[in-house]
Amino acid sequence: MIRTIFFDFGNVVGFFDHQRAVSRLTKFTDLNAIELTLRLYGGPILDDYECGRVATAEYVREALLNGRLSCTPAEFVDCFCDIFWRNPEVCDLIPRLKPRYRLVLASNTVDAHFRRFTADYADVLAHFDHLVASHHAAARKPHPEFWAYAQRFAHAEPAECLFVDDLPVNVEAAVRFGWRGIVYEPGDGLEAKLRAMGVEAGTPSEPDA
């Protein structure tokens, strides 16, 4: 029986596109969009930032330097975080699951993005019992250390946990850890897939417990 459901954030709860940030930042540099993308997202510092080994201030300093950006740190962070938009299919489902299941976020994300989407999606994330992020876990999906960290907040045995993520490699790794898993694609009948796993959502009118 499933007791706890872990949801990824990016391209599950909310969609994202780094090119939204790049398109805003190109006006601050002589680099083109492709070069800027490689300098902001293609180096090892982003992996370090996502695993919490680098603080936001350090990442921003390096990004401004590597990207030859003339904007202020605050302007950079505003553009850098302007990448998300809501996924109604999942956002509307989450409140219907909450009365019956423990909900935990399980996201590879950097500190600045985490701060942005937890503020912008506070209404949806309020239904979650805990928010697990890679920069808190000091490990990224699909590495085993991430699952071990997330399991601490499951309040259930691994076999009683279900993970929903858009990337098959992450779902496969979660299954190897002992969870069950669903690969999410927009419009592919997530509620039916959950039902096949024994997970029943409440009706839209059913109040939170």
C-alpha atoms as a PDB file:
ATOM      1  CA  MET A   1       0.000   0.000   0.000  1.00  0.00           C
ATOM      2  CA  ILE A   2       1.316   3.455  -0.906  1.00  0.00           C
ATOM      3  CA  ARG A   3       1.532   5.828   2.043  1.00  0.00           C
ATOM      4  CA  THR A   4       3.897   8.525   0.745  1.00  0.00           C
ATOM      5  CA  ILE A   5       4.107  10.114  -2.713  1.00  0.00           C
ATOM      6  CA  PHE A   6       7.234  11.981  -3.790  1.00  0.00           C
ATOM      7  CA  PHE A   7       6.859  14.514  -6.601  1.00  0.00           C
ATOM      8  CA  ASP A   8       9.583  16.125  -8.654  1.00  0.00           C
ATOM      9  CA  PHE A   9       9.038  19.845  -9.187  1.00  0.00           C
ATOM     10  CA  GLY A  10      10.521  20.721 -12.586  1.00  0.00           C
ATOM     11  CA  ASN A  11       8.293  19.640 -15.485  1.00  0.00           C
ATOM     12  CA  VAL A  12       5.923  17.967 -13.038  1.00  0.00           C
ATOM     13  CA  VAL A  13       4.457  20.441 -10.533  1.00  0.00           C
ATOM     14  CA  GLY A  14       5.704  23.361 -12.601  1.00  0.00           C
ATOM     15  CA  PHE A  15       7.311  23.577 -16.009  1.00  0.00           C
ATOM     16  CA  PHE A  16      10.599  25.376 -16.586  1.00  0.00           C
ATOM     17  CA  ASP A  17      12.788  26.602 -19.420  1.00  0.00           C
ATOM     18  CA  HIS A  18      16.255  28.048 -18.818  1.00  0.00           C
ATOM     19  CA  GLN A  19      16.034  29.859 -22.144  1.00  0.00           C
ATOM     20  CA  ARG A  20      13.564  32.256 -20.568  1.00  0.00           C
ATOM     21  CA  ALA A  21      16.367  33.447 -18.308  1.00  0.00           C
ATOM     22  CA  VAL A  22      18.934  33.474 -21.096  1.00  0.00           C
ATOM     23  CA  SER A  23      16.719  35.587 -23.346  1.00  0.00           C
ATOM     24  CA  ARG A  24      16.455  38.230 -20.633  1.00  0.00           C
ATOM     25  CA  LEU A  25      20.165  38.149 -19.811  1.00  0.00           C
ATOM     26  CA  THR A  26      21.513  38.497 -23.352  1.00  0.00           C
ATOM     27  CA  LYS A  27      20.902  42.256 -23.258  1.00  0.00           C
ATOM     28  CA  PHE A  28      23.561  42.477 -20.527  1.00  0.00           C
ATOM     29  CA  THR A  29      26.337  40.741 -22.484  1.00  0.00           C
ATOM     30  CA  ASP A  30      28.089  40.635 -25.837  1.00  0.00           C
ATOM     31  CA  LEU A  31      27.749  36.843 -25.903  1.00  0.00           C
ATOM     32  CA  ASN A  32      25.015  35.229 -27.980  1.00  0.00           C
ATOM     33  CA  ALA A  33      22.343  33.033 -26.398  1.00  0.00           C
ATOM     34  CA  ILE A  34      24.138  29.749 -27.136  1.00  0.00           C
ATOM     35  CA  GLU A  35      27.449  30.931 -25.665  1.00  0.00           C
ATOM     36  CA  LEU A  36      25.724  32.382 -22.613  1.00  0.00           C
ATOM     37  CA  THR A  37      23.765  29.177 -22.040  1.00  0.00           C
ATOM     38  CA  LEU A  38      26.971  27.135 -22.078  1.00  0.00           C
ATOM     39  CA  ARG A  39      28.685  29.468 -19.639  1.00  0.00           C
ATOM     40  CA  LEU A  40      25.793  29.589 -17.183  1.00  0.00           C
ATOM     41  CA  TYR A  41      24.653  25.960 -17.318  1.00  0.00           C
ATOM     42  CA  GLY A  42      27.451  23.939 -18.915  1.00  0.00           C
ATOM     43  CA  GLY A  43      30.180  24.043 -16.291  1.00  0.00           C
ATOM     44  CA  PRO A  44      30.821  22.109 -13.071  1.00  0.00           C
ATOM     45  CA  ILE A  45      29.902  25.077 -10.878  1.00  0.00           C
ATOM     46  CA  LEU A  46      26.186  24.576 -11.559  1.00  0.00           C
ATOM     47  CA  ASP A  47      26.438  20.970 -10.379  1.00  0.00           C
ATOM     48  CA  ASP A  48      28.222  22.197  -7.249  1.00  0.00           C
ATOM     49  CA  TYR A  49      25.512  24.814  -6.739  1.00  0.00           C
ATOM     50  CA  GLU A  50      22.754  22.237  -7.181  1.00  0.00           C
ATOM     51  CA  CYS A  51      24.411  20.017  -4.575  1.00  0.00           C
ATOM     52  CA  GLY A  52      24.850  22.856  -2.082  1.00  0.00           C
ATOM     53  CA  ARG A  53      28.646  22.957  -2.337  1.00  0.00           C
ATOM     54  CA  VAL A  54      28.479  26.534  -3.654  1.00  0.00           C
ATOM     55  CA  ALA A  55      26.397  29.340  -2.144  1.00  0.00           C
ATOM     56  CA  THR A  56      24.161  31.581  -4.238  1.00  0.00           C
ATOM     57  CA  ALA A  57      26.448  34.606  -3.878  1.00  0.00           C
ATOM     58  CA  GLU A  58      29.435  32.629  -5.175  1.00  0.00           C
ATOM     59  CA  TYR A  59      27.483  31.211  -8.114  1.00  0.00           C
ATOM     60  CA  VAL A  60      26.214  34.685  -9.047  1.00  0.00           C
ATOM     61  CA  ARG A  61      29.726  36.160  -8.901  1.00  0.00           C
ATOM     62  CA  GLU A  62      31.027  33.441 -11.208  1.00  0.00           C
ATOM     63  CA  ALA A  63      28.033  33.733 -13.543  1.00  0.00           C
ATOM     64  CA  LEU A  64      28.485  37.477 -13.939  1.00  0.00           C
ATOM     65  CA  LEU A  65      32.177  36.976 -14.691  1.00  0.00           C
ATOM     66  CA  ASN A  66      31.843  33.966 -16.996  1.00  0.00           C
ATOM     67  CA  GLY A  67      28.876  35.422 -18.817  1.00  0.00           C
ATOM     68  CA  ARG A  68      30.485  38.846 -19.178  1.00  0.00           C
ATOM     69  CA  LEU A  69      27.264  40.246 -17.742  1.00  0.00           C
ATOM     70  CA  SER A  70      26.875  43.917 -16.850  1.00  0.00           C
ATOM     71  CA  CYS A  71      23.737  43.514 -14.722  1.00  0.00           C
ATOM     72  CA  THR A  72      23.723  43.726 -10.934  1.00  0.00           C
ATOM     73  CA  PRO A  73      23.606  40.545  -8.832  1.00  0.00           C
ATOM     74  CA  ALA A  74      19.957  41.278  -7.988  1.00  0.00           C
ATOM     75  CA  GLU A  75      19.072  41.736 -11.667  1.00  0.00           C
ATOM     76  CA  PHE A  76      20.842  38.483 -12.489  1.00  0.00           C
ATOM     77  CA  VAL A  77      18.946  36.516  -9.841  1.00  0.00           C
ATOM     78  CA  ASP A  78      15.631  37.980 -11.010  1.00  0.00           C
ATOM     79  CA  CYS A  79      16.302  36.881 -14.599  1.00  0.00           C
ATOM     80  CA  PHE A  80      17.899  33.572 -13.586  1.00  0.00           C
ATOM     81  CA  CYS A  81      14.810  32.571 -11.602  1.00  0.00           C
ATOM     82  CA  ASP A  82      12.234  33.705 -14.172  1.00  0.00           C
ATOM     83  CA  ILE A  83      11.896  30.262 -15.725  1.00  0.00           C
ATOM     84  CA  PHE A  84       8.838  28.578 -14.176  1.00  0.00           C
ATOM     85  CA  TRP A  85       5.160  28.280 -15.038  1.00  0.00           C
ATOM     86  CA  ARG A  86       2.385  26.251 -13.461  1.00  0.00           C
ATOM     87  CA  ASN A  87       1.253  22.792 -14.543  1.00  0.00           C
ATOM     88  CA  PRO A  88      -2.495  22.793 -13.780  1.00  0.00           C
ATOM     89  CA  GLU A  89      -2.850  19.031 -14.310  1.00  0.00           C
ATOM     90  CA  VAL A  90      -0.591  18.240 -11.343  1.00  0.00           C
ATOM     91  CA  CYS A  91      -1.273  21.346  -9.248  1.00  0.00           C
ATOM     92  CA  ASP A  92      -5.002  20.571  -9.262  1.00  0.00           C
ATOM     93  CA  LEU A  93      -4.401  16.924  -8.363  1.00  0.00           C
ATOM     94  CA  ILE A  94      -2.138  17.500  -5.369  1.00  0.00           C
ATOM     95  CA  PRO A  95      -4.834  18.871  -2.998  1.00  0.00           C
ATOM     96  CA  ARG A  96      -6.959  15.839  -3.813  1.00  0.00           C
ATOM     97  CA  LEU A  97      -4.144  13.482  -2.764  1.00  0.00           C
ATOM     98  CA  LYS A  98      -3.192  15.269   0.442  1.00  0.00           C
ATOM     99  CA  PRO A  99      -6.030  14.031   2.682  1.00  0.00           C
ATOM    100  CA  ARG A 100      -5.035  10.430   2.041  1.00  0.00           C
ATOM    101  CA  TYR A 101      -1.255  10.448   1.520  1.00  0.00           C
ATOM    102  CA  ARG A 102       1.906  12.024   2.835  1.00  0.00           C
ATOM    103  CA  LEU A 103       3.355  14.268   0.108  1.00  0.00           C
ATOM    104  CA  VAL A 104       7.055  15.101  -0.222  1.00  0.00           C
ATOM    105  CA  LEU A 105       8.821  17.137  -2.894  1.00  0.00           C
ATOM    106  CA  ALA A 106      11.985  15.584  -4.369  1.00  0.00           C
ATOM    107  CA  SER A 107      13.718  18.086  -6.631  1.00  0.00           C
ATOM    108  CA  ASN A 108      17.129  18.716  -8.150  1.00  0.00           C
ATOM    109  CA  THR A 109      17.282  22.469  -7.702  1.00  0.00           C
ATOM    110  CA  VAL A 110      19.580  25.304  -6.694  1.00  0.00           C
ATOM    111  CA  ASP A 111      18.957  27.612  -3.775  1.00  0.00           C
ATOM    112  CA  ALA A 112      17.816  30.619  -5.848  1.00  0.00           C
ATOM    113  CA  HIS A 113      15.325  28.587  -7.883  1.00  0.00           C
ATOM    114  CA  PHE A 114      14.048  26.856  -4.749  1.00  0.00           C
ATOM    115  CA  ARG A 115      13.414  30.182  -3.041  1.00  0.00           C
ATOM    116  CA  ARG A 116      11.584  31.467  -6.105  1.00  0.00           C
ATOM    117  CA  PHE A 117       9.275  28.546  -6.750  1.00  0.00           C
ATOM    118  CA  THR A 118       8.474  27.930  -3.088  1.00  0.00           C
ATOM    119  CA  ALA A 119       7.265  31.533  -2.933  1.00  0.00           C
ATOM    120  CA  ASP A 120       5.450  31.554  -6.274  1.00  0.00           C
ATOM    121  CA  TYR A 121       3.812  28.148  -5.723  1.00  0.00           C
ATOM    122  CA  ALA A 122       3.199  28.454  -1.982  1.00  0.00           C
ATOM    123  CA  ASP A 123      -0.483  27.560  -2.439  1.00  0.00           C
ATOM    124  CA  VAL A 124       0.380  24.185  -3.985  1.00  0.00           C
ATOM    125  CA  LEU A 125       3.447  23.413  -1.884  1.00  0.00           C
ATOM    126  CA  ALA A 126       1.473  24.082   1.308  1.00  0.00           C
ATOM    127  CA  HIS A 127      -0.035  20.631   0.768  1.00  0.00           C
ATOM    128  CA  PHE A 128       3.399  18.991   1.023  1.00  0.00           C
ATOM    129  CA  ASP A 129       4.651  17.600   4.323  1.00  0.00           C
ATOM    130  CA  HIS A 130       8.297  18.237   3.445  1.00  0.00           C
ATOM    131  CA  LEU A 131      10.319  19.777   0.610  1.00  0.00           C
ATOM    132  CA  VAL A 132      13.467  17.839  -0.302  1.00  0.00           C
ATOM    133  CA  ALA A 133      15.938  19.645  -2.562  1.00  0.00           C
ATOM    134  CA  SER A 134      19.307  18.482  -3.882  1.00  0.00           C
ATOM    135  CA  HIS A 135      21.121  21.454  -2.353  1.00  0.00           C
ATOM    136  CA  HIS A 136      19.808  20.323   1.044  1.00  0.00           C
ATOM    137  CA  ALA A 137      20.648  16.668   0.415  1.00  0.00           C
ATOM    138  CA  ALA A 138      24.169  17.459  -0.898  1.00  0.00           C
ATOM    139  CA  ALA A 139      23.360  15.037  -3.717  1.00  0.00           C
ATOM    140  CA  ARG A 140      21.407  15.051  -6.951  1.00  0.00           C
ATOM    141  CA  LYS A 141      19.017  12.540  -8.417  1.00  0.00           C
ATOM    142  CA  PRO A 142      19.682   9.845  -9.546  1.00  0.00           C
ATOM    143  CA  HIS A 143      22.534   9.325  -7.050  1.00  0.00           C
ATOM    144  CA  PRO A 144      21.738   6.930  -4.166  1.00  0.00           C
ATOM    145  CA  GLU A 145      22.606   9.558  -1.552  1.00  0.00           C
ATOM    146  CA  PHE A 146      19.645  11.640  -2.695  1.00  0.00           C
ATOM    147  CA  TRP A 147      17.163   8.803  -2.153  1.00  0.00           C
ATOM    148  CA  ALA A 148      18.641   7.994   1.247  1.00  0.00           C
ATOM    149  CA  TYR A 149      18.246  11.619   2.306  1.00  0.00           C
ATOM    150  CA  ALA A 150      14.676  11.845   0.980  1.00  0.00           C
ATOM    151  CA  GLN A 151      13.710   8.586   2.685  1.00  0.00           C
ATOM    152  CA  ARG A 152      14.258  10.250   6.068  1.00  0.00           C
ATOM    153  CA  PHE A 153      11.136  12.326   5.426  1.00  0.00           C
ATOM    154  CA  ALA A 154       8.923   9.549   4.054  1.00  0.00           C
ATOM    155  CA  HIS A 155       7.559   8.317   7.398  1.00  0.00           C
ATOM    156  CA  ALA A 156       7.001   5.047   5.529  1.00  0.00           C
ATOM    157  CA  GLU A 157       8.958   2.046   4.331  1.00  0.00           C
ATOM    158  CA  PRO A 158      10.524   2.303   0.848  1.00  0.00           C
ATOM    159  CA  ALA A 159       7.993  -0.184  -0.541  1.00  0.00           C
ATOM    160  CA  GLU A 160       5.225   2.155   0.632  1.00  0.00           C
ATOM    161  CA  CYS A 161       6.658   5.115  -1.340  1.00  0.00           C
ATOM    162  CA  LEU A 162       5.822   6.210  -4.870  1.00  0.00           C
ATOM    163  CA  PHE A 163       7.892   8.663  -6.939  1.00  0.00           C
ATOM    164  CA  VAL A 164       6.636  10.798  -9.845  1.00  0.00           C
ATOM    165  CA  ASP A 165       9.303  12.348 -12.103  1.00  0.00           C
ATOM    166  CA  ASP A 166       9.554  13.332 -15.765  1.00  0.00           C
ATOM    167  CA  LEU A 167      12.938  11.654 -16.297  1.00  0.00           C
ATOM    168  CA  PRO A 168      13.017   7.845 -16.697  1.00  0.00           C
ATOM    169  CA  VAL A 169      16.590   7.663 -15.345  1.00  0.00           C
ATOM    170  CA  ASN A 170      15.419   9.168 -12.056  1.00  0.00           C
ATOM    171  CA  VAL A 171      12.397   6.897 -11.789  1.00  0.00           C
ATOM    172  CA  GLU A 172      14.551   3.840 -12.540  1.00  0.00           C
ATOM    173  CA  ALA A 173      16.990   4.852  -9.798  1.00  0.00           C
ATOM    174  CA  ALA A 174      14.161   5.363  -7.307  1.00  0.00           C
ATOM    175  CA  VAL A 175      12.805   1.906  -8.139  1.00  0.00           C
ATOM    176  CA  ARG A 176      16.257   0.404  -7.549  1.00  0.00           C
ATOM    177  CA  PHE A 177      16.233   2.126  -4.152  1.00  0.00           C
ATOM    178  CA  GLY A 178      12.992   0.337  -3.324  1.00  0.00           C
ATOM    179  CA  TRP A 179      10.294   2.856  -4.183  1.00  0.00           C
ATOM    180  CA  ARG A 180       7.673   2.456  -6.876  1.00  0.00           C
ATOM    181  CA  GLY A 181       7.756   4.938  -9.729  1.00  0.00           C
ATOM    182  CA  ILE A 182       5.806   6.710 -12.455  1.00  0.00           C
ATOM    183  CA  VAL A 183       7.361   8.554 -15.394  1.00  0.00           C
ATOM    184  CA  TYR A 184       5.247  11.658 -15.905  1.00  0.00           C
ATOM    185  CA  GLU A 185       4.393  13.173 -19.265  1.00  0.00           C
ATOM    186  CA  PRO A 186       1.860  16.007 -19.565  1.00  0.00           C
ATOM    187  CA  GLY A 187      -1.554  14.783 -20.584  1.00  0.00           C
ATOM    188  CA  ASP A 188      -0.690  11.078 -20.306  1.00  0.00           C
ATOM    189  CA  GLY A 189      -3.282  10.274 -17.653  1.00  0.00           C
ATOM    190  CA  LEU A 190      -1.363  10.688 -14.401  1.00  0.00           C
ATOM    191  CA  GLU A 191      -4.439  10.075 -12.266  1.00  0.00           C
ATOM    192  CA  ALA A 192      -5.081   6.772 -14.050  1.00  0.00           C
ATOM    193  CA  LYS A 193      -1.433   5.772 -13.589  1.00  0.00           C
ATOM    194  CA  LEU A 194      -1.711   6.558  -9.893  1.00  0.00           C
ATOM    195  CA  ARG A 195      -4.893   4.508  -9.646  1.00  0.00           C
ATOM    196  CA  ALA A 196      -3.065   1.569 -11.241  1.00  0.00           C
ATOM    197  CA  MET A 197      -0.587   1.835  -8.354  1.00  0.00           C
ATOM    198  CA  GLY A 198      -3.432   1.733  -5.841  1.00  0.00           C
ATOM    199  CA  VAL A 199      -3.459   5.491  -5.250  1.00  0.00           C
ATOM    200  CA  GLU A 200      -6.898   7.082  -5.158  1.00  0.00           C
ATOM    201  CA  ALA A 201      -7.333  10.847  -5.276  1.00  0.00           C
ATOM    202  CA  GLY A 202     -10.219  12.474  -3.474  1.00  0.00           C
ATOM    203  CA  THR A 203     -12.895  14.468  -5.254  1.00  0.00           C
ATOM    204  CA  PRO A 204     -12.215  18.150  -5.951  1.00  0.00           C
ATOM    205  CA  SER A 205     -14.641  19.121  -3.197  1.00  0.00           C
ATOM    206  CA  GLU A 206     -13.108  16.852  -0.553  1.00  0.00           C
ATOM    207  CA  PRO A 207     -11.471  19.028   2.152  1.00  0.00           C
ATOM    208  CA  ASP A 208      -7.908  18.619   3.341  1.00  0.00           C
ATOM    209  CA  ALA A 209      -7.413  16.526   6.451  1.00  0.00           C
END
